[in-house]
């Protein structure tokens, strides 16, 4: 039987309900509660913004959540695509992205670690 956790933002009263078969581990349950509370606070903050800022904030959060989900799945192709998409949205050209990639590789080598292959 599904369980339910309701996170409420104290400032606005916005509620987010999570319903699922929760794991028994208490640490997992704490993480479910913390993540739900953070999401409720985040949504509440976004909803108090002016229209244009609100739309930009939703896009930013959606992109970061997609990236987090791809990282958790360990889907490197999707991670790379989402990072490139984010950088493009920030106005970075492909040339700037290439320069950034080369700089990261150089710094990793300088730290003594192997630089990831392109």
N, C-alpha and C. Protein backbone atom coordinates (compact mmCIF):
# COMPACT_ATOMS: atom_id res chain seq x y z
N UNK A 1 0.84 -1.18 0.00
CA UNK A 1 0.00 0.00 0.00
C UNK A 1 0.90 1.25 0.00
N UNK A 2 0.64 2.18 -0.87
CA UNK A 2 1.46 3.40 -0.93
C UNK A 2 1.36 4.21 0.36
N UNK A 3 2.48 4.82 0.70
CA UNK A 3 2.52 5.74 1.83
C UNK A 3 2.50 7.15 1.27
N UNK A 4 2.37 8.12 2.16
CA UNK A 4 2.26 9.51 1.71
C UNK A 4 3.05 10.42 2.64
N UNK A 5 3.76 11.36 2.02
CA UNK A 5 4.44 12.40 2.79
C UNK A 5 3.99 13.73 2.21
N UNK A 6 3.59 14.66 3.06
CA UNK A 6 3.15 15.98 2.62
C UNK A 6 4.15 17.01 3.14
N UNK A 7 4.75 17.75 2.21
CA UNK A 7 5.67 18.83 2.57
C UNK A 7 4.93 20.14 2.39
N UNK A 8 5.00 21.00 3.40
CA UNK A 8 4.31 22.29 3.35
C UNK A 8 5.30 23.41 3.54
N UNK A 9 5.27 24.39 2.64
CA UNK A 9 6.11 25.57 2.79
C UNK A 9 5.46 26.49 3.82
N UNK A 10 6.20 26.83 4.87
CA UNK A 10 5.65 27.63 5.97
C UNK A 10 5.30 29.05 5.56
N UNK A 11 6.04 29.59 4.57
CA UNK A 11 5.77 30.98 4.17
C UNK A 11 4.46 31.14 3.43
N UNK A 12 4.17 30.18 2.55
CA UNK A 12 3.03 30.37 1.65
C UNK A 12 1.92 29.34 1.82
N UNK A 13 2.22 28.23 2.50
CA UNK A 13 1.23 27.19 2.65
C UNK A 13 1.19 26.21 1.48
N UNK A 14 2.05 26.40 0.48
CA UNK A 14 2.07 25.49 -0.67
C UNK A 14 2.40 24.09 -0.18
N UNK A 15 1.66 23.10 -0.66
CA UNK A 15 1.88 21.72 -0.27
C UNK A 15 2.28 20.87 -1.46
N UNK A 16 3.19 19.95 -1.20
CA UNK A 16 3.61 18.96 -2.18
C UNK A 16 3.41 17.59 -1.53
N UNK A 17 2.70 16.72 -2.21
CA UNK A 17 2.45 15.38 -1.68
C UNK A 17 3.24 14.36 -2.49
N UNK A 18 3.94 13.49 -1.77
CA UNK A 18 4.68 12.40 -2.40
C UNK A 18 4.02 11.10 -1.94
N UNK A 19 3.57 10.31 -2.91
CA UNK A 19 2.89 9.06 -2.59
C UNK A 19 3.63 7.94 -3.32
N UNK A 20 4.09 6.95 -2.54
CA UNK A 20 4.85 5.84 -3.13
C UNK A 20 5.01 4.73 -2.11
N UNK A 21 5.59 3.66 -2.55
CA UNK A 21 6.04 2.60 -1.65
C UNK A 21 7.40 3.05 -1.15
N UNK A 22 7.50 3.56 0.06
CA UNK A 22 8.75 4.08 0.59
C UNK A 22 9.62 2.95 1.11
N UNK A 23 10.93 3.10 0.98
CA UNK A 23 11.84 2.10 1.55
C UNK A 23 11.75 2.11 3.08
N UNK A 24 12.11 1.00 3.70
CA UNK A 24 12.05 0.90 5.15
C UNK A 24 13.18 1.65 5.85
N UNK A 25 14.30 1.82 5.18
CA UNK A 25 15.47 2.43 5.80
C UNK A 25 15.15 3.85 6.27
N UNK A 26 15.37 4.15 7.55
CA UNK A 26 15.05 5.49 8.08
C UNK A 26 15.82 6.61 7.38
N UNK A 27 17.05 6.34 6.98
CA UNK A 27 17.82 7.37 6.27
C UNK A 27 17.18 7.71 4.93
N UNK A 28 16.65 6.70 4.23
CA UNK A 28 15.95 6.96 2.97
C UNK A 28 14.70 7.80 3.21
N UNK A 29 13.99 7.50 4.28
CA UNK A 29 12.78 8.25 4.60
C UNK A 29 13.11 9.71 4.95
N UNK A 30 14.22 9.91 5.63
CA UNK A 30 14.66 11.28 5.94
C UNK A 30 14.97 12.01 4.64
N UNK A 31 15.63 11.35 3.71
CA UNK A 31 15.96 11.98 2.42
C UNK A 31 14.70 12.30 1.62
N UNK A 32 13.72 11.43 1.68
CA UNK A 32 12.45 11.70 0.99
C UNK A 32 11.83 12.96 1.57
N UNK A 33 11.81 13.06 2.89
CA UNK A 33 11.22 14.23 3.55
C UNK A 33 12.01 15.49 3.22
N UNK A 34 13.34 15.43 3.32
CA UNK A 34 14.16 16.61 3.04
C UNK A 34 14.01 17.07 1.59
N UNK A 35 14.03 16.12 0.67
CA UNK A 35 13.90 16.48 -0.74
C UNK A 35 12.52 17.06 -1.03
N UNK A 36 11.49 16.49 -0.43
CA UNK A 36 10.13 16.99 -0.62
C UNK A 36 9.99 18.40 -0.05
N UNK A 37 10.55 18.63 1.13
CA UNK A 37 10.50 19.96 1.74
C UNK A 37 11.25 20.99 0.90
N UNK A 38 12.41 20.60 0.38
CA UNK A 38 13.17 21.50 -0.48
C UNK A 38 12.38 21.84 -1.75
N UNK A 39 11.75 20.83 -2.34
CA UNK A 39 10.97 21.06 -3.55
C UNK A 39 9.80 22.00 -3.26
N UNK A 40 9.11 21.80 -2.13
CA UNK A 40 7.99 22.68 -1.77
C UNK A 40 8.48 24.11 -1.60
N UNK A 41 9.62 24.29 -0.92
CA UNK A 41 10.17 25.64 -0.71
C UNK A 41 10.56 26.27 -2.05
N UNK A 42 11.18 25.47 -2.91
CA UNK A 42 11.59 25.96 -4.23
C UNK A 42 10.39 26.39 -5.06
N UNK A 43 9.37 25.56 -5.12
CA UNK A 43 8.16 25.91 -5.89
C UNK A 43 7.51 27.16 -5.32
N UNK A 44 7.47 27.26 -4.02
CA UNK A 44 6.87 28.42 -3.38
C UNK A 44 7.63 29.69 -3.74
N UNK A 45 8.95 29.60 -3.71
CA UNK A 45 9.78 30.76 -4.07
C UNK A 45 9.54 31.17 -5.51
N UNK A 46 9.51 30.20 -6.41
CA UNK A 46 9.31 30.51 -7.83
C UNK A 46 7.94 31.15 -8.05
N UNK A 47 6.92 30.63 -7.39
CA UNK A 47 5.57 31.16 -7.60
C UNK A 47 5.38 32.58 -7.10
N UNK A 48 6.28 33.06 -6.24
CA UNK A 48 6.17 34.44 -5.76
C UNK A 48 6.89 35.43 -6.68
N UNK A 49 7.55 34.95 -7.71
CA UNK A 49 8.32 35.82 -8.61
C UNK A 49 7.42 36.48 -9.65
N UNK A 50 7.94 37.56 -10.23
CA UNK A 50 7.26 38.21 -11.36
C UNK A 50 7.24 37.23 -12.53
N UNK A 51 6.31 37.45 -13.45
CA UNK A 51 6.06 36.50 -14.53
C UNK A 51 7.31 36.11 -15.31
N UNK A 52 8.07 37.06 -15.80
CA UNK A 52 9.26 36.75 -16.61
C UNK A 52 10.31 36.00 -15.79
N UNK A 53 10.55 36.46 -14.56
CA UNK A 53 11.51 35.78 -13.69
C UNK A 53 11.04 34.36 -13.37
N UNK A 54 9.74 34.21 -13.17
CA UNK A 54 9.17 32.91 -12.84
C UNK A 54 9.41 31.92 -13.97
N UNK A 55 9.18 32.36 -15.20
CA UNK A 55 9.40 31.46 -16.35
C UNK A 55 10.86 31.05 -16.46
N UNK A 56 11.76 32.01 -16.30
CA UNK A 56 13.20 31.71 -16.33
C UNK A 56 13.59 30.75 -15.21
N UNK A 57 13.01 30.96 -14.03
CA UNK A 57 13.31 30.10 -12.89
C UNK A 57 12.83 28.67 -13.14
N UNK A 58 11.63 28.53 -13.70
CA UNK A 58 11.12 27.19 -14.00
C UNK A 58 12.04 26.48 -15.00
N UNK A 59 12.46 27.18 -16.04
CA UNK A 59 13.36 26.58 -17.03
C UNK A 59 14.67 26.15 -16.38
N UNK A 60 15.22 27.00 -15.52
CA UNK A 60 16.48 26.68 -14.85
C UNK A 60 16.32 25.44 -13.96
N UNK A 61 15.24 25.38 -13.19
CA UNK A 61 15.02 24.25 -12.30
C UNK A 61 14.77 22.97 -13.10
N UNK A 62 13.96 23.07 -14.15
CA UNK A 62 13.69 21.89 -14.98
C UNK A 62 14.99 21.33 -15.55
N UNK A 63 15.84 22.22 -16.07
CA UNK A 63 17.10 21.79 -16.67
C UNK A 63 17.99 21.12 -15.62
N UNK A 64 18.09 21.72 -14.44
CA UNK A 64 18.94 21.15 -13.40
C UNK A 64 18.39 19.81 -12.90
N UNK A 65 17.08 19.67 -12.84
CA UNK A 65 16.50 18.40 -12.41
C UNK A 65 16.73 17.32 -13.47
N UNK A 66 16.62 17.70 -14.74
CA UNK A 66 16.93 16.74 -15.80
C UNK A 66 18.38 16.30 -15.74
N UNK A 67 19.27 17.25 -15.49
CA UNK A 67 20.68 16.94 -15.37
C UNK A 67 20.94 16.02 -14.17
N UNK A 68 20.34 16.32 -13.04
CA UNK A 68 20.51 15.48 -11.85
C UNK A 68 20.00 14.06 -12.12
N UNK A 69 18.87 13.94 -12.78
CA UNK A 69 18.31 12.63 -13.08
C UNK A 69 19.23 11.84 -14.01
N UNK A 70 19.80 12.51 -15.01
CA UNK A 70 20.74 11.85 -15.93
C UNK A 70 22.01 11.43 -15.20
N UNK A 71 22.50 12.27 -14.29
CA UNK A 71 23.68 11.91 -13.51
C UNK A 71 23.41 10.69 -12.63
N UNK A 72 22.25 10.65 -12.01
CA UNK A 72 21.88 9.51 -11.17
C UNK A 72 21.79 8.24 -11.99
N UNK A 73 21.26 8.35 -13.21
CA UNK A 73 21.17 7.18 -14.10
C UNK A 73 22.53 6.81 -14.71
N UNK A 74 23.51 7.72 -14.54
CA UNK A 74 24.85 7.54 -15.11
C UNK A 74 24.81 7.46 -16.63
N UNK A 75 23.96 8.31 -17.20
CA UNK A 75 23.82 8.39 -18.66
C UNK A 75 24.69 9.53 -19.15
N UNK A 76 25.95 9.21 -19.46
CA UNK A 76 26.92 10.26 -19.82
C UNK A 76 26.53 11.01 -21.10
N UNK A 77 25.90 10.35 -22.04
CA UNK A 77 25.48 11.04 -23.27
C UNK A 77 24.41 12.08 -22.96
N UNK A 78 23.46 11.72 -22.12
CA UNK A 78 22.40 12.67 -21.76
C UNK A 78 22.97 13.81 -20.91
N UNK A 79 23.89 13.49 -20.00
CA UNK A 79 24.55 14.52 -19.20
C UNK A 79 25.25 15.52 -20.10
N UNK A 80 26.01 15.01 -21.06
CA UNK A 80 26.74 15.88 -21.98
C UNK A 80 25.78 16.75 -22.79
N UNK A 81 24.71 16.15 -23.28
CA UNK A 81 23.72 16.91 -24.06
C UNK A 81 23.11 18.02 -23.22
N UNK A 82 22.73 17.70 -21.99
CA UNK A 82 22.09 18.68 -21.12
C UNK A 82 23.06 19.79 -20.74
N UNK A 83 24.32 19.45 -20.47
CA UNK A 83 25.32 20.48 -20.16
C UNK A 83 25.52 21.41 -21.35
N UNK A 84 25.63 20.84 -22.54
CA UNK A 84 25.81 21.68 -23.73
C UNK A 84 24.59 22.56 -23.96
N UNK A 85 23.42 22.01 -23.75
CA UNK A 85 22.18 22.78 -23.90
C UNK A 85 22.14 23.94 -22.90
N UNK A 86 22.54 23.67 -21.66
CA UNK A 86 22.57 24.70 -20.63
C UNK A 86 23.56 25.80 -20.98
N UNK A 87 24.75 25.40 -21.42
CA UNK A 87 25.76 26.39 -21.80
C UNK A 87 25.30 27.23 -22.98
N UNK A 88 24.61 26.60 -23.94
CA UNK A 88 24.07 27.36 -25.08
C UNK A 88 23.05 28.38 -24.61
N UNK A 89 22.19 27.97 -23.66
CA UNK A 89 21.19 28.90 -23.12
C UNK A 89 21.85 30.08 -22.42
N UNK A 90 23.03 29.83 -21.87
CA UNK A 90 23.77 30.89 -21.20
C UNK A 90 24.54 31.76 -22.19
N UNK A 91 24.46 31.41 -23.48
CA UNK A 91 25.09 32.22 -24.50
C UNK A 91 26.50 31.80 -24.89
N UNK A 92 26.93 30.62 -24.45
CA UNK A 92 28.27 30.15 -24.81
C UNK A 92 28.25 29.57 -26.22
N UNK A 93 29.25 29.95 -27.00
CA UNK A 93 29.38 29.42 -28.36
C UNK A 93 30.06 28.05 -28.30
N UNK A 94 29.93 27.26 -29.36
CA UNK A 94 30.66 25.98 -29.40
C UNK A 94 32.16 26.16 -29.21
N UNK A 95 32.70 27.25 -29.74
CA UNK A 95 34.14 27.52 -29.59
C UNK A 95 34.49 27.77 -28.13
N UNK A 96 33.65 28.53 -27.43
CA UNK A 96 33.90 28.78 -26.01
C UNK A 96 33.79 27.49 -25.19
N UNK A 97 32.84 26.64 -25.58
CA UNK A 97 32.69 25.36 -24.90
C UNK A 97 33.94 24.50 -25.09
N UNK A 98 34.48 24.50 -26.30
CA UNK A 98 35.70 23.73 -26.59
C UNK A 98 36.87 24.27 -25.76
N UNK A 99 37.00 25.59 -25.68
CA UNK A 99 38.06 26.20 -24.88
C UNK A 99 37.91 25.81 -23.41
N UNK A 100 36.68 25.83 -22.91
CA UNK A 100 36.41 25.45 -21.53
C UNK A 100 36.79 23.99 -21.28
N UNK A 101 36.42 23.14 -22.21
CA UNK A 101 36.76 21.72 -22.10
C UNK A 101 38.28 21.53 -22.05
N UNK A 102 39.00 22.22 -22.92
CA UNK A 102 40.46 22.12 -22.94
C UNK A 102 41.07 22.63 -21.63
N UNK A 103 40.52 23.70 -21.09
CA UNK A 103 41.01 24.24 -19.82
C UNK A 103 40.79 23.26 -18.67
N UNK A 104 39.64 22.63 -18.65
CA UNK A 104 39.35 21.63 -17.60
C UNK A 104 40.32 20.47 -17.71
N UNK A 105 40.56 19.99 -18.92
CA UNK A 105 41.51 18.89 -19.12
C UNK A 105 42.92 19.29 -18.66
N UNK A 106 43.33 20.50 -18.98
CA UNK A 106 44.66 20.97 -18.59
C UNK A 106 44.78 21.01 -17.07
N UNK A 107 43.76 21.54 -16.41
CA UNK A 107 43.81 21.64 -14.95
C UNK A 107 43.81 20.27 -14.28
N UNK A 108 43.07 19.33 -14.85
CA UNK A 108 43.09 17.98 -14.30
C UNK A 108 44.48 17.36 -14.43
N UNK A 109 45.12 17.58 -15.57
CA UNK A 109 46.50 17.08 -15.74
C UNK A 109 47.44 17.75 -14.74
N UNK A 110 47.27 19.06 -14.54
CA UNK A 110 48.11 19.79 -13.58
C UNK A 110 47.95 19.27 -12.16
N UNK A 111 46.77 18.76 -11.84
CA UNK A 111 46.53 18.21 -10.50
C UNK A 111 47.10 16.81 -10.35
N UNK A 112 47.63 16.27 -11.44
CA UNK A 112 48.25 14.94 -11.38
C UNK A 112 47.32 13.80 -11.74
N UNK A 113 46.11 14.12 -12.05
CA UNK A 113 45.16 13.08 -12.42
C UNK A 113 45.11 12.93 -13.92
N UNK A 114 44.60 11.80 -14.36
CA UNK A 114 44.46 11.63 -15.80
C UNK A 114 43.32 12.51 -16.33
N UNK A 115 43.58 13.18 -17.43
CA UNK A 115 42.54 14.00 -18.05
C UNK A 115 41.62 13.09 -18.84
N UNK A 116 40.31 13.25 -18.70
CA UNK A 116 39.38 12.42 -19.47
C UNK A 116 39.64 12.60 -20.96
N UNK A 117 39.46 11.52 -21.67
CA UNK A 117 39.63 11.56 -23.12
C UNK A 117 38.44 12.25 -23.76
N UNK A 118 38.67 12.97 -24.86
CA UNK A 118 37.55 13.63 -25.55
C UNK A 118 36.60 12.64 -26.16
